[in-house]
Amino acid sequence: MSVAFRRESDDEHLEPRFELPIPPGPNLVTPRGRVLIEERVTALEAALAAADGEEAAKPIARDLRYWKTRRATAIETAPRDDDVVGFGSLVRFRMAGRERTVTLVGDDEADPGAGYLAFSAPLARALMGGEAGETVEFNGREDAIEILAVGKAT
């Protein structure tokens, strides 16, 4: 059989496992976000201690490095005191005839389906700096979003 058709080792054909990418910019977190990071680190440390073998531990250790870095770089940021949309704001708005409410949070605590939108997301960036009663531009439309109310997340 030709050498070209033989498999020397399965390890040669594995994709390399790179570190998890860190989102660009500052690592702003809400108090809720700091708690979520701590919970994730604790859970991963327990999973690493319980891992069965080196191969099982590798992906857990990689995730743990990511979350420890995020914990070390976290900047807990309080919401604004005024009625202007900013980090930590609870925003009720109307877009395309549909009313929604979101809280602007850090990248790691974002969960759009649950109403937590990363402050770095395009929609969040469009809302930032707006006030209740204003319309803001989004996706090239001058009046795409109407801000209905701005408050502090609890």
N, C-alpha and C. Protein backbone atom coordinates (compact mmCIF):
# COMPACT_ATOMS: atom_id res chain seq x y z
N MET A 1 0.84 -1.17 0.00
CA MET A 1 0.00 0.00 0.00
C MET A 1 0.89 1.24 0.00
N SER A 2 0.48 2.23 -0.74
CA SER A 2 1.23 3.48 -0.84
C SER A 2 1.20 4.21 0.50
N VAL A 3 2.28 4.86 0.82
CA VAL A 3 2.39 5.64 2.06
C VAL A 3 1.36 6.77 2.07
N ALA A 4 0.97 7.25 0.92
CA ALA A 4 0.03 8.36 0.83
C ALA A 4 -1.34 7.99 1.40
N PHE A 5 -1.66 6.71 1.44
CA PHE A 5 -2.97 6.29 1.91
C PHE A 5 -2.96 5.74 3.33
N ARG A 6 -1.84 5.80 3.98
CA ARG A 6 -1.76 5.30 5.36
C ARG A 6 -1.92 6.45 6.33
N ARG A 7 -2.53 6.16 7.47
CA ARG A 7 -2.66 7.15 8.52
C ARG A 7 -1.59 6.88 9.55
N GLU A 8 -0.70 7.83 9.71
CA GLU A 8 0.37 7.67 10.69
C GLU A 8 -0.21 7.75 12.11
N SER A 9 -1.02 8.81 12.35
CA SER A 9 -1.54 9.04 13.69
C SER A 9 -2.78 9.91 13.60
N ASP A 10 -3.72 9.66 14.46
CA ASP A 10 -4.92 10.51 14.49
C ASP A 10 -4.60 11.91 14.98
N ASP A 11 -3.58 12.02 15.84
CA ASP A 11 -3.22 13.33 16.39
C ASP A 11 -2.79 14.31 15.31
N GLU A 12 -2.21 13.82 14.24
CA GLU A 12 -1.76 14.70 13.16
C GLU A 12 -2.92 15.42 12.50
N HIS A 13 -4.10 14.85 12.55
CA HIS A 13 -5.23 15.36 11.80
C HIS A 13 -6.20 16.17 12.66
N LEU A 14 -5.90 16.34 13.92
CA LEU A 14 -6.77 17.12 14.80
C LEU A 14 -6.59 18.61 14.55
N GLU A 15 -7.68 19.33 14.62
CA GLU A 15 -7.60 20.78 14.52
C GLU A 15 -6.95 21.33 15.79
N PRO A 16 -6.12 22.37 15.67
CA PRO A 16 -5.53 22.93 16.88
C PRO A 16 -6.59 23.62 17.73
N ARG A 17 -6.42 23.56 19.03
CA ARG A 17 -7.36 24.20 19.96
C ARG A 17 -6.74 25.51 20.42
N PHE A 18 -7.27 26.60 19.90
CA PHE A 18 -6.78 27.91 20.26
C PHE A 18 -7.46 28.39 21.53
N GLU A 19 -6.88 29.40 22.15
CA GLU A 19 -7.50 30.02 23.32
C GLU A 19 -8.81 30.69 22.89
N LEU A 20 -9.74 30.81 23.82
CA LEU A 20 -11.00 31.49 23.53
C LEU A 20 -10.71 32.97 23.31
N PRO A 21 -11.29 33.57 22.28
CA PRO A 21 -11.01 34.98 22.00
C PRO A 21 -11.61 35.91 23.06
N ILE A 22 -10.83 36.88 23.45
CA ILE A 22 -11.27 37.90 24.41
C ILE A 22 -11.91 39.03 23.61
N PRO A 23 -13.13 39.44 23.95
CA PRO A 23 -13.75 40.55 23.22
C PRO A 23 -12.89 41.81 23.33
N PRO A 24 -12.81 42.60 22.26
CA PRO A 24 -12.01 43.82 22.30
C PRO A 24 -12.64 44.87 23.22
N GLY A 25 -11.84 45.77 23.69
CA GLY A 25 -12.34 46.87 24.51
C GLY A 25 -12.33 46.53 25.99
N PRO A 26 -12.82 47.46 26.79
CA PRO A 26 -12.83 47.24 28.24
C PRO A 26 -13.81 46.14 28.63
N ASN A 27 -13.50 45.47 29.73
CA ASN A 27 -14.34 44.39 30.24
C ASN A 27 -15.29 44.95 31.30
N LEU A 28 -16.26 45.73 30.86
CA LEU A 28 -17.24 46.31 31.78
C LEU A 28 -18.19 45.21 32.25
N VAL A 29 -18.50 45.21 33.54
CA VAL A 29 -19.47 44.25 34.10
C VAL A 29 -20.39 44.97 35.07
N THR A 30 -21.60 44.45 35.17
CA THR A 30 -22.53 44.91 36.20
C THR A 30 -22.24 44.08 37.45
N PRO A 31 -22.81 44.44 38.60
CA PRO A 31 -22.65 43.58 39.77
C PRO A 31 -23.13 42.15 39.49
N ARG A 32 -24.21 42.01 38.74
CA ARG A 32 -24.71 40.69 38.34
C ARG A 32 -23.66 39.96 37.50
N GLY A 33 -23.00 40.68 36.61
CA GLY A 33 -21.97 40.09 35.76
C GLY A 33 -20.78 39.58 36.55
N ARG A 34 -20.38 40.33 37.58
CA ARG A 34 -19.26 39.88 38.42
C ARG A 34 -19.63 38.57 39.13
N VAL A 35 -20.85 38.48 39.61
CA VAL A 35 -21.31 37.25 40.28
C VAL A 35 -21.31 36.09 39.29
N LEU A 36 -21.79 36.32 38.08
CA LEU A 36 -21.81 35.27 37.06
C LEU A 36 -20.40 34.77 36.73
N ILE A 37 -19.45 35.68 36.65
CA ILE A 37 -18.06 35.29 36.37
C ILE A 37 -17.52 34.44 37.52
N GLU A 38 -17.76 34.87 38.76
CA GLU A 38 -17.29 34.10 39.92
C GLU A 38 -17.90 32.69 39.94
N GLU A 39 -19.20 32.61 39.63
CA GLU A 39 -19.86 31.30 39.59
C GLU A 39 -19.25 30.41 38.52
N ARG A 40 -18.94 30.99 37.36
CA ARG A 40 -18.36 30.22 36.26
C ARG A 40 -16.97 29.71 36.64
N VAL A 41 -16.14 30.56 37.26
CA VAL A 41 -14.80 30.14 37.67
C VAL A 41 -14.90 29.01 38.70
N THR A 42 -15.78 29.15 39.68
CA THR A 42 -15.95 28.12 40.71
C THR A 42 -16.38 26.79 40.09
N ALA A 43 -17.34 26.84 39.17
CA ALA A 43 -17.83 25.62 38.53
C ALA A 43 -16.74 24.96 37.69
N LEU A 44 -15.95 25.76 36.97
CA LEU A 44 -14.88 25.20 36.15
C LEU A 44 -13.75 24.62 36.99
N GLU A 45 -13.44 25.27 38.12
CA GLU A 45 -12.42 24.72 39.01
C GLU A 45 -12.85 23.36 39.55
N ALA A 46 -14.13 23.24 39.89
CA ALA A 46 -14.65 21.96 40.38
C ALA A 46 -14.62 20.91 39.27
N ALA A 47 -15.00 21.31 38.06
CA ALA A 47 -14.99 20.37 36.93
C ALA A 47 -13.57 19.93 36.60
N LEU A 48 -12.61 20.84 36.72
CA LEU A 48 -11.22 20.50 36.44
C LEU A 48 -10.69 19.51 37.47
N ALA A 49 -11.05 19.72 38.73
CA ALA A 49 -10.61 18.81 39.80
C ALA A 49 -11.22 17.41 39.61
N ALA A 50 -12.41 17.36 39.03
CA ALA A 50 -13.09 16.09 38.85
C ALA A 50 -12.81 15.45 37.49
N ALA A 51 -12.07 16.15 36.63
CA ALA A 51 -11.81 15.63 35.27
C ALA A 51 -11.06 14.31 35.31
N ASP A 52 -11.44 13.43 34.43
CA ASP A 52 -10.84 12.10 34.36
C ASP A 52 -9.80 12.07 33.25
N GLY A 53 -8.57 12.41 33.60
CA GLY A 53 -7.49 12.33 32.63
C GLY A 53 -7.14 13.68 32.01
N GLU A 54 -5.97 13.71 31.40
CA GLU A 54 -5.43 14.93 30.83
C GLU A 54 -6.26 15.44 29.65
N GLU A 55 -6.71 14.53 28.80
CA GLU A 55 -7.49 14.94 27.62
C GLU A 55 -8.82 15.56 28.03
N ALA A 56 -9.46 15.02 29.04
CA ALA A 56 -10.73 15.57 29.52
C ALA A 56 -10.51 16.93 30.19
N ALA A 57 -9.34 17.14 30.78
CA ALA A 57 -9.06 18.37 31.50
C ALA A 57 -8.69 19.53 30.58
N LYS A 58 -8.17 19.25 29.39
CA LYS A 58 -7.69 20.31 28.50
C LYS A 58 -8.75 21.36 28.15
N PRO A 59 -9.94 20.96 27.68
CA PRO A 59 -10.93 22.00 27.34
C PRO A 59 -11.43 22.75 28.58
N ILE A 60 -11.48 22.07 29.70
CA ILE A 60 -11.93 22.73 30.93
C ILE A 60 -10.88 23.75 31.36
N ALA A 61 -9.61 23.38 31.28
CA ALA A 61 -8.53 24.30 31.65
C ALA A 61 -8.52 25.52 30.73
N ARG A 62 -8.79 25.30 29.44
CA ARG A 62 -8.84 26.41 28.48
C ARG A 62 -9.96 27.37 28.86
N ASP A 63 -11.15 26.84 29.14
CA ASP A 63 -12.27 27.70 29.56
C ASP A 63 -11.95 28.42 30.86
N LEU A 64 -11.30 27.73 31.78
CA LEU A 64 -10.95 28.33 33.07
C LEU A 64 -9.97 29.49 32.88
N ARG A 65 -9.00 29.34 31.97
CA ARG A 65 -8.07 30.45 31.70
C ARG A 65 -8.83 31.67 31.19
N TYR A 66 -9.79 31.45 30.30
CA TYR A 66 -10.60 32.55 29.77
C TYR A 66 -11.32 33.27 30.90
N TRP A 67 -12.04 32.51 31.75
CA TRP A 67 -12.85 33.12 32.79
C TRP A 67 -12.01 33.76 33.88
N LYS A 68 -10.83 33.22 34.17
CA LYS A 68 -9.95 33.87 35.15
C LYS A 68 -9.42 35.18 34.59
N THR A 69 -9.15 35.22 33.30
CA THR A 69 -8.72 36.47 32.66
C THR A 69 -9.85 37.49 32.72
N ARG A 70 -11.07 37.06 32.43
CA ARG A 70 -12.21 37.97 32.48
C ARG A 70 -12.45 38.48 33.90
N ARG A 71 -12.23 37.62 34.90
CA ARG A 71 -12.38 38.05 36.29
C ARG A 71 -11.32 39.08 36.64
N ALA A 72 -10.09 38.84 36.21
CA ALA A 72 -8.98 39.76 36.53
C ALA A 72 -9.12 41.11 35.85
N THR A 73 -9.76 41.14 34.69
CA THR A 73 -9.86 42.40 33.94
C THR A 73 -11.22 43.08 34.10
N ALA A 74 -12.11 42.50 34.90
CA ALA A 74 -13.46 43.05 35.05
C ALA A 74 -13.43 44.43 35.69
N ILE A 75 -14.20 45.33 35.11
CA ILE A 75 -14.36 46.68 35.64
C ILE A 75 -15.83 46.84 36.00
N GLU A 76 -16.14 46.71 37.28
CA GLU A 76 -17.54 46.84 37.70
C GLU A 76 -17.96 48.29 37.51
N THR A 77 -19.03 48.47 36.76
CA THR A 77 -19.46 49.80 36.35
C THR A 77 -20.90 50.02 36.77
N ALA A 78 -21.13 51.10 37.48
CA ALA A 78 -22.49 51.44 37.92
C ALA A 78 -23.26 52.08 36.77
N PRO A 79 -24.58 51.90 36.75
CA PRO A 79 -25.38 52.57 35.71
C PRO A 79 -25.36 54.08 35.90
N ARG A 80 -25.67 54.78 34.84
CA ARG A 80 -25.72 56.24 34.90
C ARG A 80 -26.79 56.68 35.87
N ASP A 81 -26.60 57.87 36.46
CA ASP A 81 -27.56 58.43 37.41
C ASP A 81 -28.63 59.27 36.73
N ASP A 82 -28.40 59.61 35.45
CA ASP A 82 -29.38 60.44 34.75
C ASP A 82 -30.28 59.54 33.89
N ASP A 83 -31.10 60.15 33.09
CA ASP A 83 -32.04 59.40 32.25
C ASP A 83 -31.51 59.18 30.84
N VAL A 84 -30.19 59.11 30.70
CA VAL A 84 -29.55 58.88 29.41
C VAL A 84 -29.15 57.41 29.33
N VAL A 85 -29.38 56.78 28.18
CA VAL A 85 -29.04 55.37 28.00
C VAL A 85 -27.53 55.20 28.07
N GLY A 86 -27.09 54.28 28.91
CA GLY A 86 -25.67 53.96 29.06
C GLY A 86 -25.53 52.55 29.59
N PHE A 87 -24.31 52.19 29.92
CA PHE A 87 -24.04 50.86 30.44
C PHE A 87 -24.87 50.64 31.71
N GLY A 88 -25.53 49.51 31.80
CA GLY A 88 -26.35 49.18 32.98
C GLY A 88 -27.77 49.71 32.91
N SER A 89 -28.11 50.43 31.84
CA SER A 89 -29.46 50.98 31.72
C SER A 89 -30.47 49.91 31.32
N LEU A 90 -31.67 50.07 31.83
CA LEU A 90 -32.82 49.28 31.42
C LEU A 90 -33.57 50.17 30.43
N VAL A 91 -33.70 49.70 29.19
CA VAL A 91 -34.25 50.55 28.13
C VAL A 91 -35.48 49.88 27.52
N ARG A 92 -36.55 50.64 27.47
CA ARG A 92 -37.76 50.19 26.77
C ARG A 92 -37.84 51.02 25.49
N PHE A 93 -37.97 50.34 24.36
CA PHE A 93 -37.97 51.03 23.07
C PHE A 93 -38.91 50.35 22.09
N ARG A 94 -39.22 51.07 21.01
CA ARG A 94 -40.05 50.53 19.93
C ARG A 94 -39.21 50.56 18.66
N MET A 95 -39.17 49.39 18.01
CA MET A 95 -38.45 49.29 16.74
C MET A 95 -39.27 48.41 15.81
N ALA A 96 -39.51 48.89 14.59
CA ALA A 96 -40.31 48.17 13.60
C ALA A 96 -41.69 47.81 14.15
N GLY A 97 -42.27 48.72 14.91
CA GLY A 97 -43.61 48.51 15.45
C GLY A 97 -43.69 47.58 16.65
N ARG A 98 -42.55 47.06 17.08
CA ARG A 98 -42.53 46.10 18.20
C ARG A 98 -41.83 46.72 19.40
N GLU A 99 -42.45 46.60 20.56
CA GLU A 99 -41.87 47.15 21.78
C GLU A 99 -41.01 46.09 22.47
N ARG A 100 -39.83 46.50 22.93
CA ARG A 100 -38.91 45.58 23.62
C ARG A 100 -38.29 46.29 24.81
N THR A 101 -37.82 45.49 25.76
CA THR A 101 -37.09 46.02 26.91
C THR A 101 -35.79 45.23 27.03
N VAL A 102 -34.67 45.95 27.14
CA VAL A 102 -33.36 45.31 27.29
C VAL A 102 -32.57 46.02 28.37
N THR A 103 -31.63 45.27 28.93
CA THR A 103 -30.66 45.84 29.86
C THR A 103 -29.31 45.77 29.19
N LEU A 104 -28.56 46.87 29.18
CA LEU A 104 -27.25 46.90 28.54
C LEU A 104 -26.20 46.44 29.55
N VAL A 105 -25.53 45.34 29.21
CA VAL A 105 -24.62 44.67 30.14
C VAL A 105 -23.28 44.38 29.46
N GLY A 106 -22.38 43.75 30.20
CA GLY A 106 -21.08 43.36 29.67
C GLY A 106 -21.17 42.23 28.67
N ASP A 107 -20.11 42.05 27.89
CA ASP A 107 -20.09 41.04 26.84
C ASP A 107 -20.37 39.63 27.36
N ASP A 108 -19.81 39.28 28.51
CA ASP A 108 -19.93 37.91 29.02
C ASP A 108 -21.28 37.61 29.67
N GLU A 109 -22.03 38.63 30.02
CA GLU A 109 -23.33 38.37 30.66
C GLU A 109 -24.49 38.59 29.69
N ALA A 110 -24.18 38.86 28.44
CA ALA A 110 -25.22 39.09 27.44
C ALA A 110 -26.03 37.82 27.20
N ASP A 111 -27.33 38.00 27.10
CA ASP A 111 -28.26 36.93 26.77
C ASP A 111 -29.47 37.61 26.12
N PRO A 112 -29.37 37.90 24.81
CA PRO A 112 -30.43 38.67 24.15
C PRO A 112 -31.82 38.08 24.32
N GLY A 113 -31.94 36.77 24.33
CA GLY A 113 -33.25 36.14 24.51
C GLY A 113 -33.88 36.44 25.85
N ALA A 114 -33.04 36.70 26.85
CA ALA A 114 -33.53 37.01 28.19
C ALA A 114 -33.57 38.52 28.45
N GLY A 115 -33.24 39.32 27.41
CA GLY A 115 -33.29 40.77 27.56
C GLY A 115 -32.00 41.41 28.02
N TYR A 116 -30.89 40.69 28.00
CA TYR A 116 -29.58 41.25 28.37
C TYR A 116 -28.76 41.41 27.10
N LEU A 117 -28.50 42.65 26.73
CA LEU A 117 -27.82 42.97 25.48
C LEU A 117 -26.43 43.52 25.78
N ALA A 118 -25.41 42.96 25.11
CA ALA A 118 -24.04 43.43 25.31
C ALA A 118 -23.92 44.88 24.89
N PHE A 119 -23.23 45.68 25.69
CA PHE A 119 -23.08 47.09 25.38
C PHE A 119 -22.33 47.31 24.07
N SER A 120 -21.61 46.30 23.61
CA SER A 120 -20.85 46.41 22.37
C SER A 120 -21.66 46.01 21.14
N ALA A 121 -22.87 45.50 21.32
CA ALA A 121 -23.72 45.09 20.20
C ALA A 121 -24.18 46.32 19.41
N PRO A 122 -24.37 46.19 18.11
CA PRO A 122 -24.80 47.34 17.30
C PRO A 122 -26.07 48.02 17.81
N LEU A 123 -27.06 47.25 18.23
CA LEU A 123 -28.29 47.85 18.74
C LEU A 123 -28.02 48.64 20.01
N ALA A 124 -27.21 48.09 20.90
CA ALA A 124 -26.88 48.80 22.15
C ALA A 124 -26.13 50.09 21.84
N ARG A 125 -25.19 50.03 20.90
CA ARG A 125 -24.43 51.24 20.54
C ARG A 125 -25.36 52.30 19.96
N ALA A 126 -26.39 51.89 19.22
CA ALA A 126 -27.35 52.84 18.67
C ALA A 126 -28.16 53.51 19.78
N LEU A 127 -28.49 52.75 20.82
CA LEU A 127 -29.28 53.28 21.92
C LEU A 127 -28.48 54.20 22.84
N MET A 128 -27.19 53.94 22.98
CA MET A 128 -26.34 54.69 23.92
C MET A 128 -26.43 56.20 23.66
N GLY A 129 -26.61 56.93 24.73
CA GLY A 129 -26.66 58.38 24.65
C GLY A 129 -28.06 58.92 24.40
N GLY A 130 -29.01 58.04 24.10
CA GLY A 130 -30.38 58.49 23.85
C GLY A 130 -31.15 58.70 25.14
N GLU A 131 -32.27 59.39 25.03
CA GLU A 131 -33.15 59.63 26.17
C GLU A 131 -34.58 59.29 25.79
N ALA A 132 -35.41 59.10 26.79
CA ALA A 132 -36.82 58.79 26.55
C ALA A 132 -37.44 59.88 25.69
N GLY A 133 -38.22 59.46 24.70
CA GLY A 133 -38.88 60.41 23.81
C GLY A 133 -38.10 60.67 22.53
N GLU A 134 -36.85 60.26 22.48
CA GLU A 134 -36.03 60.49 21.28
C GLU A 134 -36.15 59.32 20.32
N THR A 135 -35.86 59.61 19.07
CA THR A 135 -35.70 58.55 18.08
C THR A 135 -34.23 58.54 17.68
N VAL A 136 -33.71 57.33 17.44
CA VAL A 136 -32.30 57.20 17.09
C VAL A 136 -32.14 56.41 15.80
N GLU A 137 -31.03 56.63 15.14
CA GLU A 137 -30.72 55.97 13.88
C GLU A 137 -30.24 54.55 14.13
N PHE A 138 -30.65 53.66 13.23
CA PHE A 138 -30.17 52.27 13.27
C PHE A 138 -30.33 51.68 11.89
N ASN A 139 -29.33 50.97 11.43
CA ASN A 139 -29.35 50.32 10.10
C ASN A 139 -29.66 51.30 8.98
N GLY A 140 -29.13 52.50 9.08
CA GLY A 140 -29.30 53.48 8.01
C GLY A 140 -30.62 54.23 8.02
N ARG A 141 -31.51 53.90 8.95
CA ARG A 141 -32.78 54.62 9.07
C ARG A 141 -32.68 55.64 10.18
N GLU A 142 -32.99 56.86 9.85
CA GLU A 142 -32.86 57.98 10.79
C GLU A 142 -33.75 57.82 12.03
N ASP A 143 -34.96 57.31 11.86
CA ASP A 143 -35.92 57.21 12.97
C ASP A 143 -36.29 55.75 13.25
N ALA A 144 -35.32 54.87 13.22
CA ALA A 144 -35.57 53.43 13.34
C ALA A 144 -36.02 53.02 14.74
N ILE A 145 -35.53 53.70 15.76
CA ILE A 145 -35.82 53.29 17.14
C ILE A 145 -36.38 54.47 17.91
N GLU A 146 -37.48 54.24 18.59
CA GLU A 146 -38.05 55.25 19.49
C GLU A 146 -37.80 54.78 20.92
N ILE A 147 -37.06 55.56 21.68
CA ILE A 147 -36.79 55.22 23.08
C ILE A 147 -37.99 55.65 23.91
N LEU A 148 -38.59 54.70 24.61
CA LEU A 148 -39.81 54.97 25.38
C LEU A 148 -39.52 55.28 26.84
N ALA A 149 -38.56 54.57 27.44
CA ALA A 149 -38.23 54.79 28.86
C ALA A 149 -36.81 54.32 29.13
N VAL A 150 -36.17 54.98 30.08
CA VAL A 150 -34.81 54.62 30.49
C VAL A 150 -34.79 54.56 32.01
N GLY A 151 -34.25 53.47 32.53
CA GLY A 151 -34.13 53.33 33.97
C GLY A 151 -32.88 52.56 34.32
N LYS A 152 -32.71 52.29 35.60
CA LYS A 152 -31.57 51.50 36.08
C LYS A 152 -31.99 50.06 36.21
N ALA A 153 -31.11 49.18 35.83
CA ALA A 153 -31.37 47.75 36.01
C ALA A 153 -31.25 47.42 37.50
N THR A 154 -32.03 46.46 37.93
CA THR A 154 -31.97 46.08 39.34
C THR A 154 -31.17 44.82 39.52
